[in-house]
C-alpha atoms as a PDB file:
ATOM      1  CA  MET A   1     -39.787   5.719 -40.613  1.00  0.00           C
ATOM      2  CA  SER A   2     -40.096   3.941 -43.841  1.00  0.00           C
ATOM      3  CA  THR A   3     -40.469   5.585 -47.030  1.00  0.00           C
ATOM      4  CA  TYR A   4     -42.593   3.207 -48.174  1.00  0.00           C
ATOM      5  CA  ASP A   5     -45.312   0.811 -47.157  1.00  0.00           C
ATOM      6  CA  MET A   6     -44.997  -1.664 -50.104  1.00  0.00           C
ATOM      7  CA  LEU A   7     -42.535  -2.191 -53.142  1.00  0.00           C
ATOM      8  CA  VAL A   8     -44.080  -3.919 -55.640  1.00  0.00           C
ATOM      9  CA  VAL A   9     -41.454  -5.245 -58.391  1.00  0.00           C
ATOM     10  CA  GLY A  10     -42.500  -6.135 -61.298  1.00  0.00           C
ATOM     11  CA  GLY A  11     -45.679  -7.513 -63.121  1.00  0.00           C
ATOM     12  CA  ALA A  12     -47.197  -4.174 -65.469  1.00  0.00           C
ATOM     13  CA  GLY A  13     -48.328  -5.236 -68.515  1.00  0.00           C
ATOM     14  CA  ILE A  14     -51.801  -4.862 -71.249  1.00  0.00           C
ATOM     15  CA  ASP A  15     -54.508  -7.236 -71.128  1.00  0.00           C
ATOM     16  CA  THR A  16     -56.639  -7.622 -74.289  1.00  0.00           C
ATOM     17  CA  ILE A  17     -60.356  -9.187 -72.944  1.00  0.00           C
ATOM     18  CA  VAL A  18     -62.281 -11.057 -75.504  1.00  0.00           C
ATOM     19  CA  ARG A  19     -65.398 -12.061 -74.172  1.00  0.00           C
ATOM     20  CA  VAL A  20     -65.984 -15.574 -75.830  1.00  0.00           C
ATOM     21  CA  PRO A  21     -69.449 -17.520 -75.715  1.00  0.00           C
ATOM     22  CA  GLY A  22     -67.848 -20.073 -74.042  1.00  0.00           C
ATOM     23  CA  LEU A  23     -64.289 -22.336 -73.161  1.00  0.00           C
ATOM     24  CA  PRO A  24     -62.918 -24.009 -74.760  1.00  0.00           C
ATOM     25  CA  LEU A  25     -63.661 -21.845 -78.191  1.00  0.00           C
ATOM     26  CA  PRO A  26     -65.275 -23.948 -80.850  1.00  0.00           C
ATOM     27  CA  VAL A  27     -63.513 -25.056 -83.915  1.00  0.00           C
ATOM     28  CA  ALA A  28     -64.314 -22.042 -86.219  1.00  0.00           C
ATOM     29  CA  ASP A  29     -63.116 -19.895 -89.042  1.00  0.00           C
ATOM     30  CA  SER A  30     -64.222 -17.309 -87.030  1.00  0.00           C
ATOM     31  CA  VAL A  31     -66.543 -16.185 -83.650  1.00  0.00           C
ATOM     32  CA  HIS A  32     -68.454 -13.129 -83.178  1.00  0.00           C
ATOM     33  CA  VAL A  33     -67.599 -11.682 -79.845  1.00  0.00           C
ATOM     34  CA  PRO A  34     -68.299  -8.315 -77.936  1.00  0.00           C
ATOM     35  CA  PRO A  35     -66.131  -5.184 -78.265  1.00  0.00           C
ATOM     36  CA  ILE A  36     -62.186  -5.876 -77.481  1.00  0.00           C
ATOM     37  CA  ARG A  37     -60.893  -4.100 -75.499  1.00  0.00           C
ATOM     38  CA  ASP A  38     -57.200  -3.033 -73.633  1.00  0.00           C
ATOM     39  CA  TYR A  39     -56.701  -2.730 -70.031  1.00  0.00           C
ATOM     40  CA  VAL A  40     -53.269  -1.563 -67.760  1.00  0.00           C
ATOM     41  CA  ALA A  41     -53.133  -5.150 -66.107  1.00  0.00           C
ATOM     42  CA  HIS A  42     -50.937  -8.001 -64.898  1.00  0.00           C
ATOM     43  CA  THR A  43     -50.246  -9.216 -61.405  1.00  0.00           C
ATOM     44  CA  GLY A  44     -47.925  -6.292 -59.581  1.00  0.00           C
ATOM     45  CA  ASN A  45     -50.211  -3.871 -61.183  1.00  0.00           C
ATOM     46  CA  GLY A  46     -53.284  -5.505 -59.608  1.00  0.00           C
ATOM     47  CA  VAL A  47     -51.213  -5.293 -56.210  1.00  0.00           C
ATOM     48  CA  ALA A  48     -49.976  -1.869 -56.181  1.00  0.00           C
ATOM     49  CA  LEU A  49     -53.193  -0.165 -57.489  1.00  0.00           C
ATOM     50  CA  GLY A  50     -55.034  -2.324 -55.319  1.00  0.00           C
ATOM     51  CA  CYS A  51     -52.759  -1.661 -52.039  1.00  0.00           C
ATOM     52  CA  HIS A  52     -52.614   2.025 -53.278  1.00  0.00           C
ATOM     53  CA  ALA A  53     -56.835   2.047 -52.902  1.00  0.00           C
ATOM     54  CA  LEU A  54     -55.982   0.725 -49.360  1.00  0.00           C
ATOM     55  CA  GLY A  55     -54.110   3.822 -48.413  1.00  0.00           C
ATOM     56  CA  LEU A  56     -50.885   2.411 -48.338  1.00  0.00           C
ATOM     57  CA  ARG A  57     -47.765   4.355 -49.275  1.00  0.00           C
ATOM     58  CA  CYS A  58     -46.981   2.341 -52.295  1.00  0.00           C
ATOM     59  CA  LYS A  59     -44.465   2.371 -54.717  1.00  0.00           C
ATOM     60  CA  PHE A  60     -44.206   0.136 -58.192  1.00  0.00           C
ATOM     61  CA  ILE A  61     -40.801  -0.622 -60.106  1.00  0.00           C
ATOM     62  CA  ASP A  62     -40.528  -2.778 -63.399  1.00  0.00           C
ATOM     63  CA  PHE A  63     -39.872  -2.939 -66.948  1.00  0.00           C
ATOM     64  CA  ILE A  64     -41.878  -1.505 -69.735  1.00  0.00           C
ATOM     65  CA  GLY A  65     -41.783  -0.907 -73.722  1.00  0.00           C
ATOM     66  CA  ASP A  66     -41.242   2.496 -75.393  1.00  0.00           C
ATOM     67  CA  ASP A  67     -44.383   1.187 -77.134  1.00  0.00           C
ATOM     68  CA  ALA A  68     -48.264   2.056 -77.256  1.00  0.00           C
ATOM     69  CA  GLN A  69     -48.728  -0.275 -74.353  1.00  0.00           C
ATOM     70  CA  GLY A  70     -45.981   1.092 -72.022  1.00  0.00           C
ATOM     71  CA  ALA A  71     -47.180   4.978 -73.037  1.00  0.00           C
ATOM     72  CA  ALA A  72     -51.267   3.371 -71.398  1.00  0.00           C
ATOM     73  CA  ILE A  73     -49.693   2.443 -68.541  1.00  0.00           C
ATOM     74  CA  LEU A  74     -47.803   5.464 -67.593  1.00  0.00           C
ATOM     75  CA  GLN A  75     -50.888   7.692 -68.345  1.00  0.00           C
ATOM     76  CA  ARG A  76     -52.856   4.756 -66.021  1.00  0.00           C
ATOM     77  CA  TYR A  77     -50.777   5.655 -62.970  1.00  0.00           C
ATOM     78  CA  LYS A  78     -50.323   9.479 -63.346  1.00  0.00           C
ATOM     79  CA  ASP A  79     -54.164   8.940 -63.285  1.00  0.00           C
ATOM     80  CA  ALA A  80     -54.288   6.890 -60.186  1.00  0.00           C
ATOM     81  CA  LYS A  81     -51.353   8.977 -58.652  1.00  0.00           C
ATOM     82  CA  LEU A  82     -49.360   5.791 -58.483  1.00  0.00           C
ATOM     83  CA  ASP A  83     -45.716   6.204 -57.629  1.00  0.00           C
ATOM     84  CA  PHE A  84     -44.021   3.946 -60.571  1.00  0.00           C
ATOM     85  CA  SER A  85     -40.584   4.238 -61.659  1.00  0.00           C
ATOM     86  CA  HIS A  86     -39.283   2.124 -64.809  1.00  0.00           C
ATOM     87  CA  ILE A  87     -36.515   0.950 -67.476  1.00  0.00           C
ATOM     88  CA  VAL A  88     -37.354   0.695 -70.849  1.00  0.00           C
ATOM     89  CA  GLU A  89     -37.240  -2.429 -72.437  1.00  0.00           C
ATOM     90  CA  PRO A  90     -36.148  -2.923 -76.065  1.00  0.00           C
ATOM     91  CA  SER A  91     -38.214  -5.664 -76.573  1.00  0.00           C
ATOM     92  CA  GLY A  92     -41.402  -3.942 -75.322  1.00  0.00           C
ATOM     93  CA  THR A  93     -44.386  -3.772 -72.921  1.00  0.00           C
ATOM     94  CA  ARG A  94     -45.672  -7.542 -72.036  1.00  0.00           C
ATOM     95  CA  ARG A  95     -49.035  -8.651 -72.395  1.00  0.00           C
ATOM     96  CA  SER A  96     -51.663 -10.975 -72.326  1.00  0.00           C
ATOM     97  CA  VAL A  97     -54.971 -12.122 -74.462  1.00  0.00           C
ATOM     98  CA  ASN A  98     -57.741 -12.897 -71.929  1.00  0.00           C
ATOM     99  CA  LEU A  99     -60.749 -15.169 -72.989  1.00  0.00           C
ATOM    100  CA  VAL A 100     -63.488 -14.524 -70.196  1.00  0.00           C
ATOM    101  CA  ASP A 101     -66.261 -16.896 -70.778  1.00  0.00           C
ATOM    102  CA  PRO A 102     -70.116 -15.893 -69.529  1.00  0.00           C
ATOM    103  CA  GLN A 103     -69.289 -17.111 -66.100  1.00  0.00           C
ATOM    104  CA  GLY A 104     -66.621 -14.868 -65.871  1.00  0.00           C
ATOM    105  CA  ARG A 105     -63.582 -18.259 -66.089  1.00  0.00           C
ATOM    106  CA  ARG A 106     -60.666 -17.028 -68.472  1.00  0.00           C
ATOM    107  CA  LEU A 107     -58.391 -18.269 -70.321  1.00  0.00           C
ATOM    108  CA  SER A 108     -54.960 -16.185 -70.370  1.00  0.00           C
ATOM    109  CA  LEU A 109     -52.422 -16.581 -73.642  1.00  0.00           C
ATOM    110  CA  TYR A 110     -49.285 -14.703 -71.917  1.00  0.00           C
ATOM    111  CA  ASP A 111     -46.984 -13.273 -73.967  1.00  0.00           C
ATOM    112  CA  GLY A 112     -43.830 -12.178 -71.514  1.00  0.00           C
ATOM    113  CA  ARG A 113     -41.364 -11.333 -74.598  1.00  0.00           C
ATOM    114  CA  HIS A 114     -38.589  -9.871 -71.828  1.00  0.00           C
ATOM    115  CA  PRO A 115     -35.272 -11.636 -72.616  1.00  0.00           C
ATOM    116  CA  GLN A 116     -34.255 -14.347 -69.840  1.00  0.00           C
ATOM    117  CA  ASP A 117     -31.238 -12.226 -69.146  1.00  0.00           C
ATOM    118  CA  VAL A 118     -33.028  -9.041 -68.537  1.00  0.00           C
ATOM    119  CA  ARG A 119     -31.556  -7.604 -65.271  1.00  0.00           C
ATOM    120  CA  MET A 120     -32.186  -4.555 -63.072  1.00  0.00           C
ATOM    121  CA  PRO A 121     -29.819  -2.779 -61.896  1.00  0.00           C
ATOM    122  CA  ALA A 122     -29.117  -2.706 -58.294  1.00  0.00           C
ATOM    123  CA  ALA A 123     -28.904   1.321 -58.251  1.00  0.00           C
ATOM    124  CA  PHE A 124     -32.385   1.582 -59.484  1.00  0.00           C
ATOM    125  CA  TYR A 125     -33.996  -0.449 -56.934  1.00  0.00           C
ATOM    126  CA  LEU A 126     -31.778  -0.208 -53.851  1.00  0.00           C
ATOM    127  CA  PRO A 127     -32.797   3.305 -53.155  1.00  0.00           C
ATOM    128  CA  TYR A 128     -36.622   1.500 -53.056  1.00  0.00           C
ATOM    129  CA  LEU A 129     -35.879  -1.804 -51.204  1.00  0.00           C
ATOM    130  CA  GLY A 130     -34.127  -0.349 -48.414  1.00  0.00           C
ATOM    131  CA  PRO A 131     -36.537   1.964 -46.983  1.00  0.00           C
ATOM    132  CA  ALA A 132     -39.342  -0.365 -47.759  1.00  0.00           C
ATOM    133  CA  ARG A 133     -41.962  -1.980 -44.678  1.00  0.00           C
ATOM    134  CA  HIS A 134     -42.372  -5.055 -47.156  1.00  0.00           C
ATOM    135  CA  ALA A 135     -41.863  -5.788 -50.489  1.00  0.00           C
ATOM    136  CA  HIS A 136     -43.869  -7.824 -53.048  1.00  0.00           C
ATOM    137  CA  PHE A 137     -42.153  -9.463 -55.441  1.00  0.00           C
ATOM    138  CA  SER A 138     -43.703 -11.405 -58.981  1.00  0.00           C
ATOM    139  CA  ILE A 139     -42.240 -13.882 -60.424  1.00  0.00           C
ATOM    140  CA  MET A 140     -40.770 -12.759 -63.593  1.00  0.00           C
ATOM    141  CA  GLY A 141     -36.929 -14.320 -63.131  1.00  0.00           C
ATOM    142  CA  TRP A 142     -35.208 -11.287 -62.458  1.00  0.00           C
ATOM    143  CA  VAL A 143     -36.802 -10.511 -59.824  1.00  0.00           C
ATOM    144  CA  ALA A 144     -35.494 -13.541 -57.802  1.00  0.00           C
ATOM    145  CA  ASP A 145     -32.152 -11.711 -58.233  1.00  0.00           C
ATOM    146  CA  LEU A 146     -33.571  -9.225 -55.625  1.00  0.00           C
ATOM    147  CA  PHE A 147     -34.351 -11.245 -52.539  1.00  0.00           C
ATOM    148  CA  ASP A 148     -30.605 -11.538 -50.907  1.00  0.00           C
ATOM    149  CA  ASP A 149     -30.854  -7.350 -51.149  1.00  0.00           C
ATOM    150  CA  ALA A 150     -34.237  -7.447 -49.380  1.00  0.00           C
ATOM    151  CA  LEU A 151     -32.594 -10.033 -46.671  1.00  0.00           C
ATOM    152  CA  VAL A 152     -29.525  -7.540 -46.111  1.00  0.00           C
ATOM    153  CA  CYS A 153     -31.972  -4.931 -46.313  1.00  0.00           C
ATOM    154  CA  GLY A 154     -34.298  -6.797 -43.794  1.00  0.00           C
ATOM    155  CA  THR A 155     -37.266  -6.116 -46.018  1.00  0.00           C
ATOM    156  CA  THR A 156     -40.094  -8.749 -45.727  1.00  0.00           C
ATOM    157  CA  VAL A 157     -41.004  -9.960 -49.114  1.00  0.00           C
ATOM    158  CA  SER A 158     -44.591 -11.767 -50.709  1.00  0.00           C
ATOM    159  CA  THR A 159     -45.324 -13.464 -53.690  1.00  0.00           C
ATOM    160  CA  ASP A 160     -47.669 -15.144 -55.197  1.00  0.00           C
ATOM    161  CA  LEU A 161     -47.040 -18.064 -57.520  1.00  0.00           C
ATOM    162  CA  HIS A 162     -50.345 -18.127 -59.404  1.00  0.00           C
ATOM    163  CA  ASP A 163     -51.560 -21.755 -60.765  1.00  0.00           C
ATOM    164  CA  TRP A 164     -48.254 -23.160 -59.778  1.00  0.00           C
ATOM    165  CA  ASP A 165     -48.544 -26.885 -59.939  1.00  0.00           C
ATOM    166  CA  GLY A 166     -45.658 -27.848 -57.053  1.00  0.00           C
ATOM    167  CA  VAL A 167     -42.567 -28.628 -59.067  1.00  0.00           C
ATOM    168  CA  ASN A 168     -41.561 -26.143 -61.158  1.00  0.00           C
ATOM    169  CA  PRO A 169     -38.517 -24.619 -60.587  1.00  0.00           C
ATOM    170  CA  HIS A 170     -38.935 -21.154 -61.750  1.00  0.00           C
ATOM    171  CA  HIS A 171     -41.434 -20.950 -59.178  1.00  0.00           C
ATOM    172  CA  LYS A 172     -39.744 -22.528 -56.417  1.00  0.00           C
ATOM    173  CA  ALA A 173     -37.186 -20.273 -56.064  1.00  0.00           C
ATOM    174  CA  PHE A 174     -39.508 -17.330 -55.278  1.00  0.00           C
ATOM    175  CA  ALA A 175     -41.809 -20.404 -52.969  1.00  0.00           C
ATOM    176  CA  LEU A 176     -38.742 -20.847 -50.825  1.00  0.00           C
ATOM    177  CA  ARG A 177     -37.151 -17.434 -50.515  1.00  0.00           C
ATOM    178  CA  ALA A 178     -40.632 -15.227 -49.269  1.00  0.00           C
ATOM    179  CA  ASP A 179     -41.845 -14.309 -46.026  1.00  0.00           C
ATOM    180  CA  LEU A 180     -45.381 -14.784 -47.023  1.00  0.00           C
ATOM    181  CA  VAL A 181     -46.166 -17.024 -50.212  1.00  0.00           C
ATOM    182  CA  PHE A 182     -49.660 -16.570 -52.277  1.00  0.00           C
ATOM    183  CA  LEU A 183     -50.797 -19.145 -54.706  1.00  0.00           C
ATOM    184  CA  SER A 184     -53.808 -20.800 -56.325  1.00  0.00           C
ATOM    185  CA  THR A 185     -55.131 -23.911 -55.695  1.00  0.00           C
ATOM    186  CA  ALA A 186     -56.152 -24.634 -59.795  1.00  0.00           C
ATOM    187  CA  ALA A 187     -53.443 -26.745 -60.519  1.00  0.00           C
ATOM    188  CA  LEU A 188     -53.036 -28.575 -57.391  1.00  0.00           C
ATOM    189  CA  GLY A 189     -55.696 -30.911 -56.536  1.00  0.00           C
ATOM    190  CA  GLU A 190     -55.229 -33.471 -53.569  1.00  0.00           C
ATOM    191  CA  ARG A 191     -51.761 -32.255 -53.331  1.00  0.00           C
ATOM    192  CA  ARG A 192     -52.817 -28.883 -52.129  1.00  0.00           C
ATOM    193  CA  ASP A 193     -52.186 -29.627 -48.157  1.00  0.00           C
ATOM    194  CA  ASP A 194     -48.900 -31.224 -49.087  1.00  0.00           C
ATOM    195  CA  VAL A 195     -47.420 -28.478 -51.108  1.00  0.00           C
ATOM    196  CA  MET A 196     -48.320 -25.760 -48.432  1.00  0.00           C
ATOM    197  CA  ARG A 197     -46.404 -27.896 -46.128  1.00  0.00           C
ATOM    198  CA  THR A 198     -43.618 -28.209 -48.015  1.00  0.00           C
ATOM    199  CA  ILE A 199     -43.211 -24.587 -48.897  1.00  0.00           C
ATOM    200  CA  ARG A 200     -43.255 -23.650 -45.047  1.00  0.00           C
ATOM    201  CA  SER A 201     -41.086 -26.558 -43.974  1.00  0.00           C
ATOM    202  CA  GLU A 202     -38.385 -26.403 -47.002  1.00  0.00           C
ATOM    203  CA  GLY A 203     -38.522 -22.398 -47.377  1.00  0.00           C
ATOM    204  CA  ARG A 204     -38.454 -19.209 -44.586  1.00  0.00           C
ATOM    205  CA  ALA A 205     -42.145 -18.783 -45.349  1.00  0.00           C
ATOM    206  CA  GLN A 206     -44.310 -17.634 -41.986  1.00  0.00           C
ATOM    207  CA  LEU A 207     -47.511 -18.613 -43.893  1.00  0.00           C
ATOM    208  CA  VAL A 208     -48.585 -19.814 -47.012  1.00  0.00           C
ATOM    209  CA  VAL A 209     -52.274 -19.000 -48.501  1.00  0.00           C
ATOM    210  CA  ALA A 210     -53.910 -21.031 -51.189  1.00  0.00           C
ATOM    211  CA  MET A 211     -56.790 -19.448 -53.113  1.00  0.00           C
ATOM    212  CA  ALA A 212     -59.287 -21.777 -54.489  1.00  0.00           C
ATOM    213  CA  GLY A 213     -61.992 -19.122 -55.936  1.00  0.00           C
ATOM    214  CA  ALA A 214     -65.484 -19.329 -55.390  1.00  0.00           C
ATOM    215  CA  HIS A 215     -64.086 -22.646 -52.828  1.00  0.00           C
ATOM    216  CA  GLY A 216     -62.316 -19.650 -50.563  1.00  0.00           C
ATOM    217  CA  ALA A 217     -58.534 -19.927 -49.405  1.00  0.00           C
ATOM    218  CA  TYR A 218     -56.722 -22.228 -47.398  1.00  0.00           C
ATOM    219  CA  LEU A 219     -53.901 -20.826 -44.869  1.00  0.00           C
ATOM    220  CA  LEU A 220     -50.982 -22.710 -42.884  1.00  0.00           C
ATOM    221  CA  GLU A 221     -49.027 -20.489 -40.561  1.00  0.00           C
ATOM    222  CA  ARG A 222     -45.322 -21.588 -39.512  1.00  0.00           C
ATOM    223  CA  ASN A 223     -45.421 -23.062 -36.187  1.00  0.00           C
ATOM    224  CA  THR A 224     -48.512 -25.520 -37.096  1.00  0.00           C
ATOM    225  CA  ASP A 225     -49.739 -28.445 -39.674  1.00  0.00           C
ATOM    226  CA  VAL A 226     -53.024 -27.642 -39.373  1.00  0.00           C
ATOM    227  CA  VAL A 227     -54.303 -25.835 -42.964  1.00  0.00           C
ATOM    228  CA  ARG A 228     -57.279 -24.082 -42.222  1.00  0.00           C
ATOM    229  CA  HIS A 229     -60.153 -23.034 -44.767  1.00  0.00           C
ATOM    230  CA  PHE A 230     -61.865 -19.757 -45.045  1.00  0.00           C
ATOM    231  CA  PRO A 231     -64.813 -19.614 -47.153  1.00  0.00           C
ATOM    232  CA  ALA A 232     -65.547 -17.285 -49.983  1.00  0.00           C
ATOM    233  CA  ALA A 233     -67.473 -13.850 -49.163  1.00  0.00           C
ATOM    234  CA  PRO A 234     -70.493 -13.659 -50.662  1.00  0.00           C
ATOM    235  CA  LEU A 235     -70.949 -11.551 -53.654  1.00  0.00           C
ATOM    236  CA  THR A 236     -72.862  -7.941 -53.603  1.00  0.00           C
ATOM    237  CA  GLN A 237     -73.277  -8.314 -57.933  1.00  0.00           C
ATOM    238  CA  ALA A 238     -73.272 -11.219 -60.240  1.00  0.00           C
ATOM    239  CA  VAL A 239     -69.806 -11.970 -61.549  1.00  0.00           C
ATOM    240  CA  VAL A 240     -68.858 -10.717 -64.466  1.00  0.00           C
ATOM    241  CA  ASP A 241     -64.604 -11.340 -65.161  1.00  0.00           C
ATOM    242  CA  THR A 242     -62.799 -13.156 -62.192  1.00  0.00           C
ATOM    243  CA  ASN A 243     -59.405 -10.969 -63.877  1.00  0.00           C
ATOM    244  CA  GLY A 244     -57.448  -9.531 -61.197  1.00  0.00           C
ATOM    245  CA  ALA A 245     -59.599 -11.497 -57.949  1.00  0.00           C
ATOM    246  CA  GLY A 246     -56.137 -12.680 -56.592  1.00  0.00           C
ATOM    247  CA  ASP A 247     -54.755  -9.407 -56.957  1.00  0.00           C
ATOM    248  CA  SER A 248     -56.947  -7.843 -54.891  1.00  0.00           C
ATOM    249  CA  PHE A 249     -57.149 -10.874 -52.383  1.00  0.00           C
ATOM    250  CA  VAL A 250     -53.215 -10.437 -52.176  1.00  0.00           C
ATOM    251  CA  ALA A 251     -53.563  -6.383 -51.772  1.00  0.00           C
ATOM    252  CA  ALA A 252     -56.445  -6.661 -48.941  1.00  0.00           C
ATOM    253  CA  PHE A 253     -54.764  -9.311 -46.909  1.00  0.00           C
ATOM    254  CA  LEU A 254     -51.094  -6.935 -47.143  1.00  0.00           C
ATOM    255  CA  HIS A 255     -52.966  -4.074 -45.911  1.00  0.00           C
ATOM    256  CA  ALA A 256     -54.729  -5.956 -43.194  1.00  0.00           C
ATOM    257  CA  TRP A 257     -51.414  -7.707 -42.654  1.00  0.00           C
ATOM    258  CA  LEU A 258     -49.160  -4.514 -42.181  1.00  0.00           C
ATOM    259  CA  ASP A 259     -51.463  -3.000 -39.821  1.00  0.00           C
ATOM    260  CA  GLY A 260     -51.031  -5.359 -37.122  1.00  0.00           C
ATOM    261  CA  ARG A 261     -54.737  -7.538 -38.202  1.00  0.00           C
ATOM    262  CA  PRO A 262     -54.922 -10.965 -36.970  1.00  0.00           C
ATOM    263  CA  LEU A 263     -54.236 -13.300 -39.890  1.00  0.00           C
ATOM    264  CA  ASP A 264     -58.597 -14.778 -39.371  1.00  0.00           C
ATOM    265  CA  GLU A 265     -59.228 -10.831 -40.600  1.00  0.00           C
ATOM    266  CA  ALA A 266     -56.889 -10.429 -42.777  1.00  0.00           C
ATOM    267  CA  MET A 267     -58.004 -13.887 -44.853  1.00  0.00           C
ATOM    268  CA  HIS A 268     -61.845 -12.539 -44.408  1.00  0.00           C
ATOM    269  CA  ARG A 269     -60.584  -9.164 -45.794  1.00  0.00           C
ATOM    270  CA  GLY A 270     -58.685 -10.803 -48.773  1.00  0.00           C
ATOM    271  CA  ALA A 271     -61.619 -12.717 -49.702  1.00  0.00           C
ATOM    272  CA  ILE A 272     -64.069  -9.788 -49.772  1.00  0.00           C
ATOM    273  CA  ALA A 273     -61.631  -7.724 -51.877  1.00  0.00           C
ATOM    274  CA  GLY A 274     -61.166 -10.674 -54.374  1.00  0.00           C
ATOM    275  CA  ALA A 275     -64.471 -10.991 -54.986  1.00  0.00           C
ATOM    276  CA  PHE A 276     -65.216  -7.302 -55.167  1.00  0.00           C
ATOM    277  CA  ALA A 277     -62.810  -7.803 -58.033  1.00  0.00           C
ATOM    278  CA  CYS A 278     -64.934 -10.245 -59.434  1.00  0.00           C
ATOM    279  CA  THR A 279     -67.541  -8.113 -60.061  1.00  0.00           C
ATOM    280  CA  GLN A 280     -65.878  -5.420 -61.722  1.00  0.00           C
ATOM    281  CA  HIS A 281     -65.647  -5.422 -65.654  1.00  0.00           C
ATOM    282  CA  GLY A 282     -61.875  -5.814 -67.123  1.00  0.00           C
ATOM    283  CA  THR A 283     -58.814  -6.285 -65.472  1.00  0.00           C
ATOM    284  CA  HIS A 284     -58.206  -4.060 -62.034  1.00  0.00           C
ATOM    285  CA  GLU A 285     -60.155  -1.265 -63.564  1.00  0.00           C
ATOM    286  CA  ARG A 286     -61.542  -0.038 -59.962  1.00  0.00           C
ATOM    287  CA  PHE A 287     -60.416  -1.352 -56.424  1.00  0.00           C
ATOM    288  CA  ILE A 288     -62.296  -1.520 -53.174  1.00  0.00           C
ATOM    289  CA  GLY A 289     -61.367   1.454 -50.512  1.00  0.00           C
ATOM    290  CA  ARG A 290     -60.332   1.190 -47.369  1.00  0.00           C
ATOM    291  CA  GLU A 291     -63.956   2.569 -45.909  1.00  0.00           C
ATOM    292  CA  GLU A 292     -65.775   0.051 -48.649  1.00  0.00           C
ATOM    293  CA  LEU A 293     -63.875  -3.040 -47.414  1.00  0.00           C
ATOM    294  CA  HIS A 294     -64.486  -2.188 -43.630  1.00  0.00           C
ATOM    295  CA  ASP A 295     -67.539  -1.655 -43.969  1.00  0.00           C
ATOM    296  CA  LEU A 296     -68.287  -4.916 -45.889  1.00  0.00           C
ATOM    297  CA  TYR A 297     -66.140  -6.577 -43.036  1.00  0.00           C
ATOM    298  CA  GLN A 298     -67.757  -5.429 -40.758  1.00  0.00           C
ATOM    299  CA  ALA A 299     -71.768  -6.145 -42.189  1.00  0.00           C
ATOM    300  CA  ARG A 300     -69.847  -9.751 -42.185  1.00  0.00           C
ATOM    301  CA  THR A 301     -68.158 -10.637 -39.497  1.00  0.00           C
ATOM    302  CA  SER A 302     -71.874  -9.013 -37.403  1.00  0.00           C
ATOM    303  CA  LEU A 303     -74.237 -11.627 -39.046  1.00  0.00           C
END
């Protein structure tokens, strides 16, 4: 029996959320804003905590700094009882400043800060990668080195390319080697379906999911050329912050997929979790639980 349902590799950091009157910002010497807050965040954090909240046995590994931001991450995971192991990176903890407008839309200013040549020793990650049922790889450069070992271990891998333009070679390495590929439609426009088909035809993906926010999501499976559309889930409250919606979608989808549920159900559950995240303040502060997700799914499908 596998030790973990899910191993999440990379993607812990701190988001500083600044609520602004509109995007883009006006050209001005100063703009008055509501209180600015820091949150434990970033993509791996969102998937790991999202899966953990849904009851999956989740392990999370990453580099963080020996700094105040790293201490905040460790405290957050201790409080949440998330199984986290890390290596200290001297350059510090990754950070983002996210500008969020009144409609919940965001502009993220990302400070990756870790050196390009940083590498995680195999002796550190193999004891977690081998026993895991599935691994989710965040798109930090060093994580790409783990694909070969995942293949040897027989561990399936998912990844989220975020707002990939379909061209950038950094993302392409992840796009063509993962078994499940998630991405945003934000930079694709009319090329959406073509990019999804290229990922499928040139890589090893069993399926490709393109998330389009309020416009829903799209699914392409391995054995078909048909890109299917799934609508967004209705909101139970007003949108306050879209930070973390994609990560919540991914977590709920993977939870259903690992449970052997049909892909249509996984897509609907992902949409419900993503919509739930949009109604929560900050980044990854509260995740939908298994019972709440089940109840909302049952209510939606009984209509």
